[in-house]
């Protein structure tokens, strides 16, 4: 899952080397939180107009987690 998020983010940004992902321990309900970190200049590219790209990233991650019977949440820092 972490590799999927990194791959998606690196395809969107101008500085792929600045992309990193931190993973939190699962919560009580089993949700795993992924924290996506990108360069300050690339933040707009990852979020998109009115958050459309961020919403699409979250949708893809949720779909991948559903295939593995899991729950995920993506936060962009």
PDB file of N, CA and C in Angstrom:
ATOM      1  N   UNK A   1       0.826  -1.189   0.000  1.00  0.00           N
ATOM      2  CA  UNK A   1       0.000   0.000   0.000  1.00  0.00           C
ATOM      3  C   UNK A   1       0.874   1.259   0.000  1.00  0.00           C
ATOM      4  N   UNK A   2       1.913   1.229   0.806  1.00  0.00           N
ATOM      5  CA  UNK A   2       2.801   2.383   0.887  1.00  0.00           C
ATOM      6  C   UNK A   2       3.456   2.637  -0.468  1.00  0.00           C
ATOM      7  N   UNK A   3       3.870   1.564  -1.144  1.00  0.00           N
ATOM      8  CA  UNK A   3       4.507   1.691  -2.452  1.00  0.00           C
ATOM      9  C   UNK A   3       3.547   2.279  -3.481  1.00  0.00           C
ATOM     10  N   UNK A   4       2.276   1.909  -3.397  1.00  0.00           N
ATOM     11  CA  UNK A   4       1.266   2.446  -4.310  1.00  0.00           C
ATOM     12  C   UNK A   4       1.129   3.951  -4.130  1.00  0.00           C
ATOM     13  N   UNK A   5       1.064   4.399  -2.892  1.00  0.00           N
ATOM     14  CA  UNK A   5       0.931   5.825  -2.617  1.00  0.00           C
ATOM     15  C   UNK A   5       2.161   6.599  -3.080  1.00  0.00           C
ATOM     16  N   UNK A   6       3.336   6.046  -2.860  1.00  0.00           N
ATOM     17  CA  UNK A   6       4.570   6.705  -3.301  1.00  0.00           C
ATOM     18  C   UNK A   6       4.612   6.796  -4.817  1.00  0.00           C
ATOM     19  N   UNK A   7       4.228   5.734  -5.503  1.00  0.00           N
ATOM     20  CA  UNK A   7       4.234   5.719  -6.965  1.00  0.00           C
ATOM     21  C   UNK A   7       3.273   6.749  -7.535  1.00  0.00           C
ATOM     22  N   UNK A   8       2.086   6.837  -6.978  1.00  0.00           N
ATOM     23  CA  UNK A   8       1.103   7.817  -7.443  1.00  0.00           C
ATOM     24  C   UNK A   8       1.640   9.232  -7.242  1.00  0.00           C
ATOM     25  N   UNK A   9       2.158   9.514  -6.062  1.00  0.00           N
ATOM     26  CA  UNK A   9       2.634  10.859  -5.740  1.00  0.00           C
ATOM     27  C   UNK A   9       3.842  11.247  -6.592  1.00  0.00           C
ATOM     28  N   UNK A  10       4.761  10.321  -6.811  1.00  0.00           N
ATOM     29  CA  UNK A  10       5.945  10.639  -7.602  1.00  0.00           C
ATOM     30  C   UNK A  10       5.592  10.963  -9.046  1.00  0.00           C
ATOM     31  N   UNK A  11       4.514  10.407  -9.537  1.00  0.00           N
ATOM     32  CA  UNK A  11       4.063  10.713 -10.893  1.00  0.00           C
ATOM     33  C   UNK A  11       3.447  12.095 -11.023  1.00  0.00           C
ATOM     34  N   UNK A  12       3.072  12.700  -9.926  1.00  0.00           N
ATOM     35  CA  UNK A  12       2.408  13.998  -9.950  1.00  0.00           C
ATOM     36  C   UNK A  12       3.348  15.176  -9.710  1.00  0.00           C
ATOM     37  N   UNK A  13       4.427  14.962  -8.986  1.00  0.00           N
ATOM     38  CA  UNK A  13       5.254  16.072  -8.521  1.00  0.00           C
ATOM     39  C   UNK A  13       6.452  16.327  -9.430  1.00  0.00           C
ATOM     40  N   UNK A  14       7.062  17.507  -9.280  1.00  0.00           N
ATOM     41  CA  UNK A  14       8.268  17.839 -10.035  1.00  0.00           C
ATOM     42  C   UNK A  14       9.524  17.314  -9.349  1.00  0.00           C
ATOM     43  N   UNK A  15       9.477  17.135  -8.022  1.00  0.00           N
ATOM     44  CA  UNK A  15      10.624  16.656  -7.256  1.00  0.00           C
ATOM     45  C   UNK A  15      10.281  15.309  -6.606  1.00  0.00           C
ATOM     46  N   UNK A  16      10.394  14.211  -7.381  1.00  0.00           N
ATOM     47  CA  UNK A  16      10.012  12.891  -6.836  1.00  0.00           C
ATOM     48  C   UNK A  16      10.858  12.442  -5.655  1.00  0.00           C
ATOM     49  N   UNK A  17      12.064  12.950  -5.520  1.00  0.00           N
ATOM     50  CA  UNK A  17      12.924  12.528  -4.413  1.00  0.00           C
ATOM     51  C   UNK A  17      12.437  13.059  -3.071  1.00  0.00           C
ATOM     52  N   UNK A  18      11.571  14.079  -3.087  1.00  0.00           N
ATOM     53  CA  UNK A  18      11.060  14.665  -1.844  1.00  0.00           C
ATOM     54  C   UNK A  18       9.814  13.955  -1.326  1.00  0.00           C
ATOM     55  N   UNK A  19       9.322  12.974  -2.058  1.00  0.00           N
ATOM     56  CA  UNK A  19       8.108  12.260  -1.650  1.00  0.00           C
ATOM     57  C   UNK A  19       8.457  11.227  -0.589  1.00  0.00           C
ATOM     58  N   UNK A  20       7.717  11.270   0.528  1.00  0.00           N
ATOM     59  CA  UNK A  20       7.887  10.256   1.568  1.00  0.00           C
ATOM     60  C   UNK A  20       6.531   9.964   2.194  1.00  0.00           C
ATOM     61  N   UNK A  21       6.422   8.773   2.749  1.00  0.00           N
ATOM     62  CA  UNK A  21       5.172   8.336   3.363  1.00  0.00           C
ATOM     63  C   UNK A  21       5.476   7.754   4.733  1.00  0.00           C
ATOM     64  N   UNK A  22       4.749   8.225   5.747  1.00  0.00           N
ATOM     65  CA  UNK A  22       4.825   7.660   7.090  1.00  0.00           C
ATOM     66  C   UNK A  22       3.540   6.884   7.346  1.00  0.00           C
ATOM     67  N   UNK A  23       3.665   5.760   8.022  1.00  0.00           N
ATOM     68  CA  UNK A  23       2.506   4.919   8.296  1.00  0.00           C
ATOM     69  C   UNK A  23       2.290   4.837   9.801  1.00  0.00           C
ATOM     70  N   UNK A  24       1.065   5.119  10.251  1.00  0.00           N
ATOM     71  CA  UNK A  24       0.715   4.999  11.662  1.00  0.00           C
ATOM     72  C   UNK A  24       0.263   3.576  11.958  1.00  0.00           C
ATOM     73  N   UNK A  25       0.292   3.224  13.223  1.00  0.00           N
ATOM     74  CA  UNK A  25      -0.232   1.935  13.655  1.00  0.00           C
ATOM     75  C   UNK A  25      -1.744   1.915  13.438  1.00  0.00           C
ATOM     76  N   UNK A  26      -2.319   0.742  13.176  1.00  0.00           N
ATOM     77  CA  UNK A  26      -3.774   0.670  12.982  1.00  0.00           C
ATOM     78  C   UNK A  26      -4.537   1.149  14.211  1.00  0.00           C
ATOM     79  N   UNK A  27      -5.636   1.854  13.960  1.00  0.00           N
ATOM     80  CA  UNK A  27      -6.503   2.326  15.041  1.00  0.00           C
ATOM     81  C   UNK A  27      -7.362   1.172  15.545  1.00  0.00           C
ATOM     82  N   UNK A  28      -8.239   1.464  16.517  1.00  0.00           N
ATOM     83  CA  UNK A  28      -9.098   0.424  17.090  1.00  0.00           C
ATOM     84  C   UNK A  28      -9.984  -0.233  16.032  1.00  0.00           C
ATOM     85  N   UNK A  29     -10.451   0.574  15.068  1.00  0.00           N
ATOM     86  CA  UNK A  29     -11.338   0.028  14.036  1.00  0.00           C
ATOM     87  C   UNK A  29     -10.573  -0.594  12.871  1.00  0.00           C
ATOM     88  N   UNK A  30      -9.239  -0.636  12.954  1.00  0.00           N
ATOM     89  CA  UNK A  30      -8.432  -1.271  11.916  1.00  0.00           C
ATOM     90  C   UNK A  30      -7.973  -0.335  10.819  1.00  0.00           C
ATOM     91  N   UNK A  31      -8.268   0.945  10.929  1.00  0.00           N
ATOM     92  CA  UNK A  31      -7.881   1.912   9.906  1.00  0.00           C
ATOM     93  C   UNK A  31      -6.399   2.261  10.040  1.00  0.00           C
ATOM     94  N   UNK A  32      -5.691   2.186   8.932  1.00  0.00           N
ATOM     95  CA  UNK A  32      -4.280   2.555   8.888  1.00  0.00           C
ATOM     96  C   UNK A  32      -4.183   3.938   8.247  1.00  0.00           C
ATOM     97  N   UNK A  33      -3.475   4.859   8.901  1.00  0.00           N
ATOM     98  CA  UNK A  33      -3.347   6.222   8.393  1.00  0.00           C
ATOM     99  C   UNK A  33      -1.989   6.384   7.724  1.00  0.00           C
ATOM    100  N   UNK A  34      -2.010   6.843   6.464  1.00  0.00           N
ATOM    101  CA  UNK A  34      -0.793   7.119   5.711  1.00  0.00           C
ATOM    102  C   UNK A  34      -0.621   8.628   5.625  1.00  0.00           C
ATOM    103  N   UNK A  35       0.559   9.123   5.973  1.00  0.00           N
ATOM    104  CA  UNK A  35       0.871  10.550   5.907  1.00  0.00           C
ATOM    105  C   UNK A  35       1.795  10.764   4.715  1.00  0.00           C
ATOM    106  N   UNK A  36       1.303  11.477   3.703  1.00  0.00           N
ATOM    107  CA  UNK A  36       2.074  11.758   2.495  1.00  0.00           C
ATOM    108  C   UNK A  36       2.768  13.104   2.645  1.00  0.00           C
ATOM    109  N   UNK A  37       4.090  13.110   2.462  1.00  0.00           N
ATOM    110  CA  UNK A  37       4.875  14.339   2.554  1.00  0.00           C
ATOM    111  C   UNK A  37       5.489  14.620   1.182  1.00  0.00           C
ATOM    112  N   UNK A  38       5.294  15.847   0.692  1.00  0.00           N
ATOM    113  CA  UNK A  38       5.892  16.271  -0.576  1.00  0.00           C
ATOM    114  C   UNK A  38       6.563  17.624  -0.361  1.00  0.00           C
ATOM    115  N   UNK A  39       7.336  18.069  -1.360  1.00  0.00           N
ATOM    116  CA  UNK A  39       7.984  19.371  -1.279  1.00  0.00           C
ATOM    117  C   UNK A  39       6.920  20.467  -1.243  1.00  0.00           C
ATOM    118  N   UNK A  40       7.265  21.583  -0.620  1.00  0.00           N
ATOM    119  CA  UNK A  40       6.327  22.711  -0.474  1.00  0.00           C
ATOM    120  C   UNK A  40       5.804  23.185  -1.828  1.00  0.00           C
ATOM    121  N   UNK A  41       6.671  23.217  -2.840  1.00  0.00           N
ATOM    122  CA  UNK A  41       6.275  23.687  -4.166  1.00  0.00           C
ATOM    123  C   UNK A  41       5.329  22.718  -4.868  1.00  0.00           C
ATOM    124  N   UNK A  42       5.354  21.448  -4.491  1.00  0.00           N
ATOM    125  CA  UNK A  42       4.519  20.435  -5.139  1.00  0.00           C
ATOM    126  C   UNK A  42       3.197  20.194  -4.429  1.00  0.00           C
ATOM    127  N   UNK A  43       2.953  20.880  -3.333  1.00  0.00           N
ATOM    128  CA  UNK A  43       1.740  20.650  -2.557  1.00  0.00           C
ATOM    129  C   UNK A  43       0.480  20.886  -3.406  1.00  0.00           C
ATOM    130  N   UNK A  44       0.473  21.928  -4.201  1.00  0.00           N
ATOM    131  CA  UNK A  44      -0.682  22.227  -5.047  1.00  0.00           C
ATOM    132  C   UNK A  44      -0.934  21.168  -6.100  1.00  0.00           C
ATOM    133  N   UNK A  45       0.123  20.566  -6.597  1.00  0.00           N
ATOM    134  CA  UNK A  45      -0.032  19.516  -7.607  1.00  0.00           C
ATOM    135  C   UNK A  45      -0.690  18.270  -7.010  1.00  0.00           C
ATOM    136  N   UNK A  46      -0.380  17.974  -5.767  1.00  0.00           N
ATOM    137  CA  UNK A  46      -0.930  16.779  -5.128  1.00  0.00           C
ATOM    138  C   UNK A  46      -2.367  17.014  -4.671  1.00  0.00           C
ATOM    139  N   UNK A  47      -2.668  18.226  -4.246  1.00  0.00           N
ATOM    140  CA  UNK A  47      -4.022  18.522  -3.772  1.00  0.00           C
ATOM    141  C   UNK A  47      -4.963  18.788  -4.944  1.00  0.00           C
ATOM    142  N   UNK A  48      -4.528  19.563  -5.918  1.00  0.00           N
ATOM    143  CA  UNK A  48      -5.348  19.848  -7.087  1.00  0.00           C
ATOM    144  C   UNK A  48      -6.390  20.909  -6.819  1.00  0.00           C
ATOM    145  N   UNK A  49      -7.064  21.321  -7.874  1.00  0.00           N
ATOM    146  CA  UNK A  49      -8.104  22.336  -7.739  1.00  0.00           C
ATOM    147  C   UNK A  49      -9.266  21.776  -6.935  1.00  0.00           C
ATOM    148  N   UNK A  50      -9.617  22.499  -5.896  1.00  0.00           N
ATOM    149  CA  UNK A  50     -10.704  22.128  -4.984  1.00  0.00           C
ATOM    150  C   UNK A  50     -10.517  20.724  -4.408  1.00  0.00           C
ATOM    151  N   UNK A  51      -9.259  20.260  -4.330  1.00  0.00           N
ATOM    152  CA  UNK A  51      -8.969  18.967  -3.712  1.00  0.00           C
ATOM    153  C   UNK A  51      -9.322  17.757  -4.542  1.00  0.00           C
ATOM    154  N   UNK A  52      -9.484  17.940  -5.831  1.00  0.00           N
ATOM    155  CA  UNK A  52      -9.918  16.821  -6.678  1.00  0.00           C
ATOM    156  C   UNK A  52      -8.875  15.721  -6.775  1.00  0.00           C
ATOM    157  N   UNK A  53      -7.614  16.090  -6.925  1.00  0.00           N
ATOM    158  CA  UNK A  53      -6.567  15.068  -7.046  1.00  0.00           C
ATOM    159  C   UNK A  53      -6.390  14.339  -5.715  1.00  0.00           C
ATOM    160  N   UNK A  54      -6.422  15.083  -4.610  1.00  0.00           N
ATOM    161  CA  UNK A  54      -6.319  14.457  -3.292  1.00  0.00           C
ATOM    162  C   UNK A  54      -7.465  13.474  -3.075  1.00  0.00           C
ATOM    163  N   UNK A  55      -8.648  13.854  -3.484  1.00  0.00           N
ATOM    164  CA  UNK A  55      -9.814  12.969  -3.343  1.00  0.00           C
ATOM    165  C   UNK A  55      -9.637  11.718  -4.201  1.00  0.00           C
ATOM    166  N   UNK A  56      -9.094  11.879  -5.398  1.00  0.00           N
ATOM    167  CA  UNK A  56      -8.865  10.728  -6.278  1.00  0.00           C
ATOM    168  C   UNK A  56      -7.815   9.785  -5.690  1.00  0.00           C
ATOM    169  N   UNK A  57      -6.762  10.349  -5.100  1.00  0.00           N
ATOM    170  CA  UNK A  57      -5.726   9.522  -4.456  1.00  0.00           C
ATOM    171  C   UNK A  57      -6.340   8.720  -3.321  1.00  0.00           C
ATOM    172  N   UNK A  58      -7.159   9.370  -2.513  1.00  0.00           N
ATOM    173  CA  UNK A  58      -7.805   8.676  -1.388  1.00  0.00           C
ATOM    174  C   UNK A  58      -8.734   7.569  -1.886  1.00  0.00           C
ATOM    175  N   UNK A  59      -9.438   7.823  -2.982  1.00  0.00           N
ATOM    176  CA  UNK A  59     -10.352   6.821  -3.540  1.00  0.00           C
ATOM    177  C   UNK A  59      -9.583   5.593  -4.024  1.00  0.00           C
ATOM    178  N   UNK A  60      -8.476   5.810  -4.711  1.00  0.00           N
ATOM    179  CA  UNK A  60      -7.662   4.688  -5.202  1.00  0.00           C
ATOM    180  C   UNK A  60      -7.099   3.886  -4.033  1.00  0.00           C
ATOM    181  N   UNK A  61      -6.631   4.578  -3.009  1.00  0.00           N
ATOM    182  CA  UNK A  61      -6.075   3.888  -1.845  1.00  0.00           C
ATOM    183  C   UNK A  61      -7.150   3.087  -1.111  1.00  0.00           C
ATOM    184  N   UNK A  62      -8.353   3.654  -0.979  1.00  0.00           N
ATOM    185  CA  UNK A  62      -9.442   2.918  -0.318  1.00  0.00           C
ATOM    186  C   UNK A  62      -9.828   1.681  -1.116  1.00  0.00           C
ATOM    187  N   UNK A  63      -9.844   1.814  -2.451  1.00  0.00           N
ATOM    188  CA  UNK A  63     -10.192   0.668  -3.294  1.00  0.00           C
ATOM    189  C   UNK A  63      -9.150  -0.442  -3.164  1.00  0.00           C
ATOM    190  N   UNK A  64      -7.877  -0.065  -3.133  1.00  0.00           N
ATOM    191  CA  UNK A  64      -6.815  -1.064  -2.973  1.00  0.00           C
ATOM    192  C   UNK A  64      -6.897  -1.725  -1.601  1.00  0.00           C
ATOM    193  N   UNK A  65      -7.227  -0.955  -0.576  1.00  0.00           N
ATOM    194  CA  UNK A  65      -7.345  -1.515   0.773  1.00  0.00           C
ATOM    195  C   UNK A  65      -8.527  -2.459   0.875  1.00  0.00           C
ATOM    196  N   UNK A  66      -9.603  -2.139   0.188  1.00  0.00           N
ATOM    197  CA  UNK A  66     -10.790  -2.987   0.209  1.00  0.00           C
ATOM    198  C   UNK A  66     -10.479  -4.360  -0.382  1.00  0.00           C
ATOM    199  N   UNK A  67      -9.636  -4.393  -1.384  1.00  0.00           N
ATOM    200  CA  UNK A  67      -9.251  -5.674  -1.984  1.00  0.00           C
ATOM    201  C   UNK A  67      -8.488  -6.533  -0.986  1.00  0.00           C
ATOM    202  N   UNK A  68      -7.808  -5.892  -0.023  1.00  0.00           N
ATOM    203  CA  UNK A  68      -7.049  -6.611   1.000  1.00  0.00           C
ATOM    204  C   UNK A  68      -7.796  -6.669   2.329  1.00  0.00           C
ATOM    205  N   UNK A  69      -9.098  -6.397   2.296  1.00  0.00           N
ATOM    206  CA  UNK A  69      -9.946  -6.399   3.489  1.00  0.00           C
ATOM    207  C   UNK A  69      -9.417  -5.474   4.572  1.00  0.00           C
ATOM    208  N   UNK A  70      -9.004  -4.281   4.189  1.00  0.00           N
ATOM    209  CA  UNK A  70      -8.493  -3.312   5.143  1.00  0.00           C
ATOM    210  C   UNK A  70      -9.155  -1.946   4.966  1.00  0.00           C
ATOM    211  N   UNK A  71      -8.788  -1.013   5.842  1.00  0.00           N
ATOM    212  CA  UNK A  71      -9.285   0.353   5.772  1.00  0.00           C
ATOM    213  C   UNK A  71      -8.084   1.280   5.836  1.00  0.00           C
ATOM    214  N   UNK A  72      -8.091   2.315   4.990  1.00  0.00           N
ATOM    215  CA  UNK A  72      -6.988   3.269   5.010  1.00  0.00           C
ATOM    216  C   UNK A  72      -7.525   4.685   4.996  1.00  0.00           C
ATOM    217  N   UNK A  73      -6.666   5.578   5.439  1.00  0.00           N
ATOM    218  CA  UNK A  73      -6.927   7.009   5.393  1.00  0.00           C
ATOM    219  C   UNK A  73      -5.631   7.669   4.957  1.00  0.00           C
ATOM    220  N   UNK A  74      -5.736   8.654   4.065  1.00  0.00           N
ATOM    221  CA  UNK A  74      -4.548   9.336   3.562  1.00  0.00           C
ATOM    222  C   UNK A  74      -4.604  10.795   3.975  1.00  0.00           C
ATOM    223  N   UNK A  75      -3.541  11.255   4.627  1.00  0.00           N
ATOM    224  CA  UNK A  75      -3.422  12.663   5.007  1.00  0.00           C
ATOM    225  C   UNK A  75      -2.227  13.243   4.260  1.00  0.00           C
ATOM    226  N   UNK A  76      -2.417  14.408   3.681  1.00  0.00           N
ATOM    227  CA  UNK A  76      -1.351  15.062   2.917  1.00  0.00           C
ATOM    228  C   UNK A  76      -0.775  16.171   3.788  1.00  0.00           C
ATOM    229  N   UNK A  77       0.508  16.006   4.123  1.00  0.00           N
ATOM    230  CA  UNK A  77       1.184  16.982   4.981  1.00  0.00           C
ATOM    231  C   UNK A  77       2.196  17.760   4.170  1.00  0.00           C
TER     232      UNK A  77
END
